[in-house]
Protein backbone atom coordinates (compact mmCIF):
# COMPACT_ATOMS: atom_id res chain seq x y z
CA MET A 1 -14.99 77.37 -3.78
CA GLY A 2 -13.27 75.63 -6.69
CA LYS A 3 -9.84 75.86 -5.05
CA ARG A 4 -11.26 74.65 -1.74
CA PHE A 5 -12.83 71.65 -3.47
CA VAL A 6 -9.58 70.80 -5.21
CA CYS A 7 -7.73 71.00 -1.88
CA ILE A 8 -10.25 68.68 -0.23
CA VAL A 9 -9.93 66.18 -3.08
CA CYS A 10 -6.15 66.27 -2.88
CA TRP A 11 -6.29 65.85 0.90
CA LEU A 12 -8.60 62.83 0.56
CA ALA A 13 -6.29 61.34 -2.07
CA LEU A 14 -3.32 61.73 0.26
CA VAL A 15 -5.27 60.12 3.09
CA CYS A 16 -6.21 57.20 0.83
CA CYS A 17 -2.60 56.77 -0.22
CA TRP A 18 -1.52 56.88 3.41
CA ILE A 19 -4.13 54.28 4.39
CA THR A 20 -3.10 52.05 1.48
CA ALA A 21 0.55 52.37 2.43
CA CYS A 22 -0.26 51.44 6.02
CA GLN A 23 -2.24 48.46 4.84
CA ASP A 24 0.67 47.36 2.65
CA GLU A 25 2.90 47.43 5.72
CA ARG A 26 0.44 45.40 7.80
CA GLU A 27 1.44 41.86 8.72
CA TYR A 28 -1.32 39.27 8.43
CA GLU A 29 -1.50 36.11 10.46
CA LEU A 30 -3.44 32.98 9.61
CA VAL A 31 -3.65 29.46 11.04
CA LEU A 32 -3.77 26.75 8.40
CA LEU A 33 -5.38 23.47 9.48
CA HIS A 34 -5.37 20.60 7.01
CA THR A 35 -6.16 16.90 6.61
CA ASN A 36 -5.92 14.33 3.84
CA ASP A 37 -6.71 10.67 3.12
CA SER A 38 -9.29 10.51 5.90
CA HIS A 39 -10.75 7.35 4.32
CA GLY A 40 -14.04 7.15 6.16
CA SER A 41 -12.39 7.27 9.57
CA ILE A 42 -15.40 8.20 11.66
CA LEU A 43 -14.21 6.35 14.76
CA PRO A 44 -10.74 6.26 16.34
CA VAL A 45 -8.42 3.36 15.55
CA ASP A 46 -5.86 2.34 18.18
CA GLY A 47 -6.66 5.53 20.08
CA PHE A 48 -5.87 7.84 17.13
CA GLY A 49 -8.27 9.93 15.08
CA GLY A 50 -12.06 10.02 15.12
CA MET A 51 -14.24 12.74 13.60
CA ALA A 52 -15.62 13.97 16.93
CA GLU A 53 -12.10 14.04 18.35
CA ARG A 54 -10.87 15.97 15.32
CA ALA A 55 -13.75 18.42 15.74
CA ALA A 56 -12.73 19.02 19.35
CA PHE A 57 -9.20 19.92 18.26
CA VAL A 58 -10.41 22.19 15.45
CA ARG A 59 -12.77 23.97 17.85
CA SER A 60 -9.94 24.52 20.33
CA VAL A 61 -7.82 26.17 17.63
CA LYS A 62 -10.66 28.36 16.37
CA GLU A 63 -11.44 29.52 19.90
CA LYS A 64 -7.89 30.86 20.25
CA ASN A 65 -7.35 32.17 16.71
CA PRO A 66 -9.75 34.48 14.85
CA HIS A 67 -8.38 33.68 11.40
CA VAL A 68 -8.30 29.98 10.47
CA LEU A 69 -8.30 28.24 7.09
CA LEU A 70 -9.45 24.58 7.26
CA VAL A 71 -8.88 22.44 4.15
CA ASP A 72 -8.56 18.82 2.98
CA ALA A 73 -6.45 17.27 0.19
CA GLY A 74 -8.83 14.45 -0.81
CA ASP A 75 -9.63 10.75 -0.34
CA PHE A 76 -12.31 11.14 2.31
CA ASN A 77 -14.04 8.06 0.82
CA THR A 78 -13.43 4.31 1.30
CA GLY A 79 -12.61 3.08 4.77
CA GLN A 80 -14.66 2.24 7.83
CA VAL A 81 -17.98 0.49 7.42
CA VAL A 82 -19.89 3.35 9.08
CA SER A 83 -18.76 5.62 6.24
CA ASN A 84 -18.87 3.12 3.38
CA LEU A 85 -22.46 2.07 3.98
CA ALA A 86 -23.68 5.67 3.96
CA ASP A 87 -21.64 6.86 0.95
CA ALA A 88 -19.56 9.06 3.28
CA LYS A 89 -22.55 11.13 4.35
CA PRO A 90 -21.39 11.12 8.00
CA ASP A 91 -17.97 12.35 6.83
CA ILE A 92 -19.52 15.25 4.93
CA LEU A 93 -21.77 16.00 7.91
CA ALA A 94 -18.69 16.17 10.15
CA TYR A 95 -16.80 18.38 7.68
CA ASN A 96 -19.79 20.73 7.56
CA TYR A 97 -19.89 20.84 11.34
CA MET A 98 -16.17 21.65 11.61
CA GLY A 99 -16.50 24.38 8.99
CA TYR A 100 -14.13 23.22 6.27
CA ASP A 101 -13.39 26.03 3.83
CA ALA A 102 -12.47 23.86 0.83
CA ILE A 103 -11.43 20.37 -0.20
CA THR A 104 -10.17 18.72 -3.35
CA VAL A 105 -10.93 15.20 -4.57
CA GLY A 106 -8.65 12.17 -4.44
CA ASN A 107 -8.64 9.03 -6.56
CA HIS A 108 -10.89 7.21 -4.08
CA GLU A 109 -13.66 9.73 -4.67
CA PHE A 110 -14.10 7.74 -7.90
CA ASP A 111 -14.44 4.33 -6.26
CA LYS A 112 -18.20 4.59 -6.71
CA PRO A 113 -20.22 5.90 -9.67
CA LEU A 114 -19.95 9.63 -10.33
CA GLU A 115 -23.49 10.29 -9.10
CA VAL A 116 -22.32 9.38 -5.59
CA LEU A 117 -19.62 12.07 -5.70
CA LEU A 118 -22.10 14.57 -7.12
CA GLN A 119 -24.46 13.78 -4.23
CA GLN A 120 -21.62 14.29 -1.77
CA MET A 121 -20.94 17.69 -3.33
CA GLU A 122 -24.60 18.60 -2.77
CA TRP A 123 -24.44 17.54 0.88
CA ALA A 124 -21.36 19.70 1.43
CA HIS A 125 -21.57 23.27 2.74
CA PHE A 126 -18.10 23.92 1.39
CA PRO A 127 -16.67 24.03 -2.16
CA PHE A 128 -14.84 21.21 -3.92
CA VAL A 129 -11.85 22.72 -5.74
CA THR A 130 -11.06 20.55 -8.76
CA SER A 131 -8.86 22.60 -11.09
CA ASN A 132 -7.81 19.71 -13.33
CA VAL A 133 -10.91 17.48 -13.19
CA ARG A 134 -13.30 18.17 -16.04
CA ARG A 135 -16.75 16.90 -16.79
CA GLY A 136 -17.52 17.72 -20.38
CA ASP A 137 -16.75 21.39 -21.03
CA SER A 138 -16.78 22.47 -17.39
CA CYS A 139 -14.86 21.90 -14.20
CA LEU A 140 -16.28 19.21 -11.92
CA GLY A 141 -16.28 21.63 -8.98
CA GLU A 142 -14.73 25.08 -8.48
CA GLU A 143 -11.74 25.69 -10.72
CA CYS A 144 -10.18 27.96 -8.12
CA LEU A 145 -11.42 30.32 -5.44
CA VAL A 146 -10.42 33.25 -3.26
CA ARG A 147 -11.08 33.42 0.47
CA ASN A 148 -10.82 36.72 2.39
CA ILE A 149 -9.71 35.80 5.89
CA GLY A 150 -9.18 38.75 8.20
CA GLY A 151 -8.22 40.98 5.27
CA LEU A 152 -5.84 38.41 3.81
CA LYS A 153 -6.77 37.27 0.30
CA VAL A 154 -6.02 33.55 -0.03
CA GLY A 155 -6.14 31.94 -3.46
CA ILE A 156 -6.86 28.21 -3.55
CA PHE A 157 -6.62 25.67 -6.37
CA GLY A 158 -6.95 21.88 -6.34
CA LEU A 159 -5.30 19.04 -8.27
CA THR A 160 -5.94 15.31 -8.50
CA THR A 161 -3.29 12.99 -9.89
CA VAL A 162 -4.01 12.12 -13.51
CA TYR A 163 -2.99 8.58 -12.54
CA THR A 164 -6.52 8.32 -11.12
CA ARG A 165 -7.73 7.33 -14.55
CA HIS A 166 -5.63 4.16 -14.27
CA ILE A 167 -6.37 3.19 -10.68
CA SER A 168 -10.00 4.15 -10.11
CA ILE A 169 -12.96 2.39 -11.66
CA HIS A 170 -15.51 5.16 -12.21
CA THR A 171 -13.62 7.78 -14.21
CA GLU A 172 -15.30 7.32 -17.58
CA GLU A 173 -17.38 10.50 -17.22
CA VAL A 174 -14.49 12.80 -16.28
CA ASP A 175 -11.12 13.80 -17.65
CA PHE A 176 -7.95 14.80 -15.84
CA LEU A 177 -5.85 17.65 -17.18
CA GLU A 178 -2.05 17.60 -16.82
CA GLU A 179 -1.11 18.80 -13.36
CA ILE A 180 1.84 21.14 -14.02
CA GLU A 181 0.24 23.19 -16.79
CA THR A 182 -3.00 23.41 -14.85
CA ALA A 183 -1.16 24.69 -11.77
CA ARG A 184 0.65 27.34 -13.83
CA ARG A 185 -2.66 28.50 -15.24
CA MET A 186 -4.25 28.66 -11.79
CA VAL A 187 -1.33 30.61 -10.30
CA GLU A 188 -1.52 33.12 -13.14
CA ARG A 189 -5.28 33.53 -12.68
CA LEU A 190 -5.02 33.98 -8.92
CA LYS A 191 -2.20 36.50 -9.23
CA LYS A 192 -4.41 38.59 -11.51
CA GLN A 193 -6.88 38.69 -8.63
CA ARG A 194 -4.08 40.14 -6.47
CA VAL A 195 -4.17 37.44 -3.82
CA ASP A 196 -1.69 37.58 -0.94
CA LEU A 197 -1.21 33.83 -0.53
CA ILE A 198 -1.58 30.91 -2.96
CA VAL A 199 -2.42 27.48 -1.52
CA GLY A 200 -2.68 24.31 -3.62
CA LEU A 201 -4.71 21.35 -2.38
CA VAL A 202 -3.02 18.55 -4.27
CA HIS A 203 -3.73 14.84 -4.20
CA LEU A 204 -0.35 13.86 -5.65
CA GLY A 205 1.85 12.42 -2.92
CA PHE A 206 5.60 11.95 -2.64
CA ILE A 207 6.01 8.61 -4.45
CA ARG A 208 6.61 8.34 -8.20
CA SER A 209 4.44 5.39 -9.23
CA THR A 210 5.57 5.78 -12.86
CA SER A 211 8.40 7.65 -14.59
CA ASP A 212 6.05 10.48 -15.61
CA PHE A 213 4.17 10.65 -12.30
CA VAL A 214 3.87 14.21 -10.98
CA THR A 215 4.56 14.31 -7.26
CA SER A 216 4.02 17.38 -5.10
CA ARG A 217 7.80 17.91 -5.05
CA ARG A 218 7.98 17.79 -8.83
CA LEU A 219 5.08 20.24 -9.06
CA ALA A 220 6.82 22.68 -6.71
CA GLU A 221 10.01 22.45 -8.75
CA ALA A 222 8.16 23.15 -12.01
CA VAL A 223 5.72 25.89 -11.00
CA GLU A 224 6.69 29.21 -9.44
CA GLY A 225 4.38 31.30 -7.31
CA ILE A 226 2.84 28.61 -5.08
CA ASP A 227 3.30 29.43 -1.41
CA ILE A 228 1.97 26.23 0.20
CA LEU A 229 1.04 22.81 -1.15
CA VAL A 230 -1.26 20.77 1.08
CA ASP A 231 -0.57 17.26 -0.15
CA GLY A 232 -2.28 13.86 0.00
CA HIS A 233 -2.32 10.45 -1.71
CA SER A 234 0.87 8.80 -0.41
CA HIS A 235 -0.21 8.78 3.26
CA SER A 236 3.16 10.27 4.15
CA TYR A 237 4.09 11.44 7.61
CA LEU A 238 6.21 14.56 8.04
CA GLU A 239 7.68 15.90 11.25
CA GLN A 240 8.48 19.22 9.62
CA PRO A 241 7.41 20.90 6.38
CA LEU A 242 9.34 20.25 3.20
CA ARG A 243 10.58 23.30 1.32
CA VAL A 244 11.17 23.16 -2.42
CA GLY A 245 12.31 26.50 -3.81
CA ASN A 246 9.91 29.05 -2.35
CA THR A 247 7.12 26.52 -1.84
CA TRP A 248 6.30 24.75 1.42
CA ILE A 249 4.85 21.23 1.18
CA VAL A 250 2.88 19.70 4.04
CA THR A 251 0.78 16.58 4.53
CA ALA A 252 -0.94 14.88 7.49
CA ASN A 253 -0.53 11.12 7.16
CA GLN A 254 -3.92 9.35 6.92
CA LYS A 255 -7.23 8.38 8.56
CA GLY A 256 -7.44 11.57 10.59
CA ARG A 257 -4.62 10.38 12.84
CA TYR A 258 -3.07 13.83 12.52
CA VAL A 259 -4.13 17.35 11.62
CA GLY A 260 -1.50 19.62 10.13
CA GLU A 261 -1.30 22.99 11.88
CA GLY A 262 0.64 25.84 10.32
CA LYS A 263 0.96 29.42 11.54
CA VAL A 264 1.29 31.68 8.51
CA ARG A 265 2.58 35.24 8.43
CA VAL A 266 2.21 37.35 5.28
CA LYS A 267 3.53 40.85 4.65
CA LYS A 268 3.31 42.92 1.48
CA GLY A 269 1.78 39.96 -0.33
CA HIS A 270 4.64 37.64 0.55
CA LEU A 271 4.80 34.66 2.87
CA VAL A 272 7.42 35.65 5.45
CA ASP A 273 7.07 32.84 8.01
CA PHE A 274 5.51 29.37 8.20
CA ASP A 275 5.63 27.49 11.50
CA TRP A 276 4.10 24.04 11.00
CA LYS A 277 3.66 20.79 12.91
CA PRO A 278 1.57 17.59 12.73
CA VAL A 279 -0.82 17.37 15.67
CA PRO A 280 -1.74 13.81 16.75
CA ILE A 281 -5.47 13.47 17.30
CA LYS A 282 -5.15 11.49 20.48
CA GLY A 283 -6.49 12.21 23.93
CA PHE A 284 -9.11 14.72 22.80
CA ARG A 285 -12.54 14.43 24.35
CA PRO A 286 -15.04 13.85 21.51
CA ASP A 287 -17.20 16.80 20.55
CA THR A 288 -20.53 15.96 22.17
CA LEU A 289 -22.86 17.55 19.62
CA LEU A 290 -21.08 16.03 16.62
CA MET A 291 -21.05 12.63 18.32
CA GLN A 292 -24.83 12.87 18.76
CA ARG A 293 -25.23 13.58 15.05
CA LEU A 294 -22.99 10.66 14.08
CA ARG A 295 -24.59 8.21 16.50
CA PRO A 296 -27.41 7.03 14.15
CA TYR A 297 -24.83 6.06 11.51
CA ILE A 298 -22.68 4.28 14.07
CA ASP A 299 -25.64 2.41 15.55
CA SER A 300 -26.77 1.24 12.13
CA VAL A 301 -23.36 -0.38 11.65
CA GLN A 302 -23.81 -2.52 14.73
CA GLN A 303 -26.79 -4.05 12.97
CA GLU A 304 -24.75 -4.41 9.81
CA LEU A 305 -22.07 -6.40 11.64
CA GLN A 306 -24.54 -9.24 12.14
CA THR A 307 -25.13 -9.49 8.41
CA VAL A 308 -24.41 -12.98 7.07
CA ILE A 309 -21.93 -12.79 4.18
CA GLY A 310 -21.44 -16.49 3.45
CA ARG A 311 -21.16 -19.99 4.82
CA ALA A 312 -18.19 -22.17 5.76
CA SER A 313 -18.57 -25.90 5.16
CA GLU A 314 -16.05 -26.58 7.96
CA GLU A 315 -14.21 -24.61 10.60
CA PHE A 316 -11.16 -22.60 9.54
CA VAL A 317 -8.98 -23.71 12.43
CA LEU A 318 -6.35 -21.27 13.62
CA PHE A 319 -5.40 -22.46 17.11
CA ARG A 320 -4.12 -25.75 18.46
CA ASN A 321 -2.86 -26.13 22.02
CA ASN A 322 -3.17 -22.34 22.38
CA GLU A 323 -0.70 -21.79 19.53
CA ASN A 324 -1.55 -19.66 16.51
CA LEU A 325 -0.87 -22.10 13.67
CA ALA A 326 -0.40 -19.31 11.12
CA ARG A 327 2.85 -18.39 12.86
CA PHE A 328 4.32 -21.81 12.14
CA GLY A 329 3.18 -22.72 8.63
CA GLU A 330 0.44 -22.70 6.04
CA VAL A 331 -3.16 -22.33 7.28
CA ALA A 332 -6.43 -22.35 5.36
CA LEU A 333 -7.44 -18.87 6.55
CA GLY A 334 -4.11 -17.44 5.40
CA ASN A 335 -4.69 -19.02 1.98
CA LEU A 336 -8.21 -17.61 1.82
CA LEU A 337 -7.07 -14.11 2.74
CA THR A 338 -4.08 -13.88 0.40
CA ASP A 339 -6.03 -15.35 -2.52
CA ALA A 340 -8.72 -12.76 -1.78
CA MET A 341 -6.07 -10.02 -1.99
CA VAL A 342 -4.95 -11.19 -5.44
CA TRP A 343 -8.59 -11.27 -6.57
CA LYS A 344 -9.31 -7.78 -5.20
CA SER A 345 -6.16 -6.34 -6.79
CA ALA A 346 -7.35 -7.55 -10.19
CA ALA A 347 -10.81 -6.08 -9.54
CA LEU A 348 -9.16 -2.72 -8.80
CA HIS A 349 -7.21 -2.93 -12.09
CA GLN A 350 -3.98 -3.19 -10.08
CA PRO A 351 -2.98 -6.83 -10.80
CA VAL A 352 -0.24 -8.41 -8.72
CA ASP A 353 2.08 -11.38 -9.12
CA PHE A 354 1.26 -12.67 -5.64
CA ALA A 355 0.09 -11.60 -2.19
CA LEU A 356 1.47 -11.97 1.31
CA VAL A 357 0.49 -10.98 4.86
CA ASN A 358 2.12 -11.29 8.25
CA SER A 359 0.59 -14.05 10.34
CA GLY A 360 0.56 -11.77 13.37
CA GLY A 361 -2.36 -9.92 11.85
CA ILE A 362 -4.59 -13.02 11.85
CA ARG A 363 -6.09 -13.44 15.33
CA GLU A 364 -9.13 -15.72 15.08
CA GLY A 365 -10.34 -18.57 12.89
CA LEU A 366 -13.74 -18.77 11.23
CA PRO A 367 -16.41 -21.16 12.53
CA ALA A 368 -18.31 -23.70 10.47
CA GLY A 369 -21.72 -22.46 9.36
CA MET A 370 -22.86 -18.92 8.76
CA ILE A 371 -20.15 -16.24 8.58
CA THR A 372 -20.94 -12.66 9.64
CA LYS A 373 -19.00 -9.45 9.16
CA GLU A 374 -18.32 -9.41 12.88
CA MET A 375 -16.51 -12.77 12.61
CA VAL A 376 -14.31 -11.44 9.81
CA LEU A 377 -13.45 -8.36 11.87
CA ALA A 378 -12.56 -10.63 14.81
CA ALA A 379 -10.24 -12.63 12.55
CA LEU A 380 -8.59 -9.44 11.21
CA PRO A 381 -8.98 -6.86 13.98
CA PHE A 382 -6.24 -4.39 13.09
CA SER A 383 -7.92 -2.54 10.20
CA ASN A 384 -4.82 -3.00 8.05
CA VAL A 385 -5.01 -1.48 4.59
CA MET A 386 -4.11 -3.45 1.48
CA GLU A 387 -1.21 -1.97 -0.47
CA ARG A 388 0.51 -2.78 -3.75
CA VAL A 389 4.30 -2.65 -3.76
CA ALA A 390 6.81 -3.16 -6.56
CA LEU A 391 9.90 -5.21 -5.75
CA PRO A 392 12.82 -6.38 -7.89
CA GLY A 393 13.27 -10.14 -7.88
CA SER A 394 16.43 -9.83 -5.81
CA ALA A 395 14.38 -8.15 -3.08
CA VAL A 396 11.74 -10.87 -3.28
CA ARG A 397 14.48 -13.41 -2.57
CA ARG A 398 15.76 -11.34 0.36
CA LEU A 399 12.23 -11.07 1.72
CA PHE A 400 11.72 -14.82 1.84
CA ASP A 401 15.27 -15.30 3.14
CA PHE A 402 14.26 -13.10 6.07
CA VAL A 403 11.08 -15.11 6.71
CA ALA A 404 13.23 -18.28 6.90
CA THR A 405 14.99 -16.76 9.91
CA VAL A 406 11.82 -15.81 11.82
CA PRO A 407 11.71 -17.85 15.04
CA PRO A 408 8.84 -20.38 15.22
CA GLY A 409 5.78 -18.61 16.57
CA GLY A 410 6.88 -15.21 15.29
CA GLY A 411 4.18 -12.96 13.84
CA ALA A 412 6.44 -12.03 10.91
CA PHE A 413 6.01 -15.47 9.37
CA LEU A 414 4.23 -14.89 6.05
CA GLN A 415 1.05 -16.37 4.64
CA VAL A 416 1.14 -16.32 0.82
CA SER A 417 -1.20 -16.64 -2.14
CA LYS A 418 -1.39 -19.69 -4.39
CA GLU A 419 1.08 -18.25 -6.91
CA VAL A 420 3.89 -18.86 -4.40
CA GLN A 421 5.54 -22.19 -3.68
CA VAL A 422 8.16 -21.93 -0.94
CA THR A 423 10.04 -24.42 1.20
CA TYR A 424 11.91 -23.31 4.32
CA ASP A 425 14.58 -25.01 6.35
CA ARG A 426 13.76 -23.40 9.67
CA GLN A 427 16.70 -25.03 11.50
CA GLN A 428 19.18 -23.72 8.97
CA GLY A 429 17.29 -20.44 8.55
CA ARG A 430 17.25 -20.60 4.77
CA VAL A 431 14.98 -20.97 1.75
CA VAL A 432 15.27 -24.39 0.12
CA SER A 433 13.19 -23.53 -2.93
CA LEU A 434 11.02 -20.64 -4.17
CA THR A 435 8.90 -20.20 -7.28
CA ILE A 436 6.32 -17.64 -8.37
CA SER A 437 3.64 -19.00 -10.69
CA GLY A 438 5.74 -22.11 -11.20
CA LYS A 439 8.90 -20.24 -12.25
CA PRO A 440 12.12 -19.39 -10.39
CA VAL A 441 12.39 -15.79 -9.22
CA GLU A 442 14.21 -13.57 -11.72
CA ASN A 443 16.51 -11.10 -9.96
CA ASP A 444 16.08 -8.27 -12.48
CA ARG A 445 12.33 -8.58 -12.96
CA VAL A 446 9.93 -6.29 -11.07
CA TYR A 447 7.24 -8.16 -9.13
CA TYR A 448 4.03 -6.51 -7.97
CA VAL A 449 2.95 -7.71 -4.56
CA ALA A 450 -0.26 -7.18 -2.59
CA THR A 451 0.39 -6.84 1.12
CA CYS A 452 -0.77 -4.75 4.07
CA ASP A 453 0.39 -1.34 5.24
CA TYR A 454 2.01 -2.85 8.33
CA VAL A 455 4.38 -5.01 6.27
CA ALA A 456 4.92 -2.33 3.59
CA ALA A 457 6.02 0.10 6.30
CA GLY A 458 8.82 -2.29 7.33
CA LYS A 459 7.35 -3.26 10.68
CA ASP A 460 8.27 -6.51 12.41
CA GLY A 461 11.61 -6.73 10.63
CA PHE A 462 10.42 -6.18 7.04
CA ASP A 463 13.03 -3.50 6.39
CA VAL A 464 13.91 -5.09 3.07
CA LEU A 465 10.65 -3.79 1.59
CA VAL A 466 11.33 -0.22 2.62
CA GLU A 467 14.92 -0.39 1.41
CA THR A 468 14.23 -1.93 -1.99
CA MET A 469 10.66 -1.19 -3.09
CA GLN A 470 10.36 0.64 -6.38
CA GLY A 471 6.80 1.77 -5.80
CA ARG A 472 4.17 1.67 -3.09
CA LYS A 473 0.46 2.38 -3.49
CA SER A 474 -2.35 2.16 -0.97
CA THR A 475 -5.68 0.81 -2.19
CA ALA A 476 -7.44 2.22 0.91
CA CYS A 477 -9.21 -1.15 1.11
CA LEU A 478 -9.24 -2.67 4.57
CA LEU A 479 -8.20 -6.32 4.69
CA PRO A 480 -11.40 -7.33 6.58
CA ASP A 481 -13.47 -5.75 3.81
CA VAL A 482 -11.45 -7.52 1.12
CA LEU A 483 -11.96 -10.89 2.82
CA ALA A 484 -15.66 -10.27 3.45
CA GLU A 485 -16.21 -9.30 -0.18
CA TYR A 486 -14.38 -12.44 -1.35
CA ILE A 487 -16.46 -14.68 0.91
CA ARG A 488 -19.67 -13.04 -0.26
CA MET A 489 -18.63 -13.54 -3.89
CA GLN A 490 -18.03 -17.27 -3.34
CA SER A 491 -21.08 -17.73 -1.08
CA SER A 492 -19.73 -20.99 0.35
CA ILE A 493 -16.12 -21.51 1.44
CA THR A 494 -14.18 -24.62 2.39
CA PRO A 495 -10.88 -24.64 4.31
CA ARG A 496 -8.03 -25.88 2.13
CA THR A 497 -4.26 -26.09 2.25
CA ASP A 498 -2.31 -27.02 -0.87
CA GLY A 499 1.34 -27.15 0.16
CA ARG A 500 2.23 -23.64 -0.99
CA ILE A 501 4.27 -23.29 2.22
CA ARG A 502 6.47 -26.16 3.41
CA VAL A 503 8.57 -26.03 6.54
CA ARG A 504 11.31 -28.56 7.32
C-alpha cells in the first residue's frame, strides 16, 4: 500500500510538471485598447470622437475578442461644457459603461479641489492607479494592480508628471514622487508577483518642458522591465508605436478622437509581438443605451448656453461689407480675446509675455446688450484649445515677418494682446516695427506665448512655430471658455482698439 501510494504521488507530480510545462509553452493573446487626454469630450467635434461613438467601437472589439484590456492615461477632466458643469460625472458614467479596467490621473484632474477628484473616484467602477501620487502616508489610489485576463497576468502601474505641482492649482493636499525611481519600484514589485506583462499608464508625454522633465521616452530609457507604456499629456499623435529598448510606447492623441488598439502576444512571460494602430473614432453609430444615459447631461447644457455671462456697452463689430475685419487689421474682439488669454495664463500660473490668435478662428462679433455663452461659442466655434509655447526672440521676429506676407483677408493674420505693438507694410510684405511690452525683441531671449492649438500645430502657414518652439504645453482650456470667463469677471465690456496693430 505504501509503495502504491508513493507511485501515485510521483505520478501526480509528473502530471503537474507536465501541465505546468505545457502552460509555460502556451501563447497568450490580448487586445489592448487605450485612450488619454479625453478632456470632457462627451460629444464629437468636427465628426471625430464622442463617448457614445467610442463605446460603439469598444463594444465591437470586445464582441470579437474574448480578452481585452481597456485603460486610460489621464486628463479626462476639463473640456466641453457638458462635462465641466457636472464635474466629469458623465465621463465617469461612460467609462463605467465601457468597462474600463484602470486609469491613471493627469495634471488636469487637479484643476478643481481634491474633493472633486475623490468624488470621481467614488463614482468609478474601476481603479485609479496612482503609483507616484501620495496623500499623506498613503497612495491616492491603487499603487499598482494585477489583472488576470484569460490566464495572462498583467501588472499595471500609473505615473503622473511631477510637473503637475507647478501647473495645476489644487495640488496642496498631495505630493508627487519622482517618476523614474517610482517606476523601478513598481516593476520590482510586479515581478515578484510573477506577472507576464507590465503596462505603465503614464501621464508624461513626449515634450521636455524643462531640462529635468521626465518624458515617457526618458522613462523607458532609464527603467528596464516595462513592456508597454500607455502615454498621455502631450496630446501626441503616432501612426506606429515607438520602441525604446525593449519597451513599446503608445499614445492616442486627445479628446477621444482616436483609440489606440494593440494586439499583444506573450509567451513564457515575454512580450513576443505587439501590433498596434490608432483607430479614428469617426463614422461609428453612437451606442444607443449610453446616449440615453448621457442625454440628461447634454440637455442641461442647452439651458446653460442661454446663461447671461455679461453685458456689452456697444456692439463688437466684426463684419463690414461682408468682410471679416479681423483678417485685415486690429479689431476689438481680437483685443478682448487675446487679453483674456494673457489673463487666464496668469490665473493658471503659466504667465506669458503676450498672446496671439489667428483671425480665421473668429467668426462672429458680439452684440450690444446681454452676452450669453451661446454668443461666445458662435464667435469662437472651433473649440480651439489654448496652449503655451516657448519661442526664442529670433523665432518671434520670423513669426511676425510671416504675418506681414499674409494676403489681405487671409485667416492667418494675427490678433495680438496689448503687450504687442506691431506695424506692417502689407505692400512690401515686411514688419516696420515690433515691440513686446515696449521693448525691441531680443533674439536670444525666450518668450512665452499664449496661442491656440491650431496655430501651435503649424496650420495655415505657421511652420515657424513647429520648427523653432522650445516647449509646447496645452492648458486644455477652450478659447470660448477663456473668453466667457473673462467677460464674466469684468461684468461689463466695451469694444476698444488701441493701435497695437497698424497696417500701412
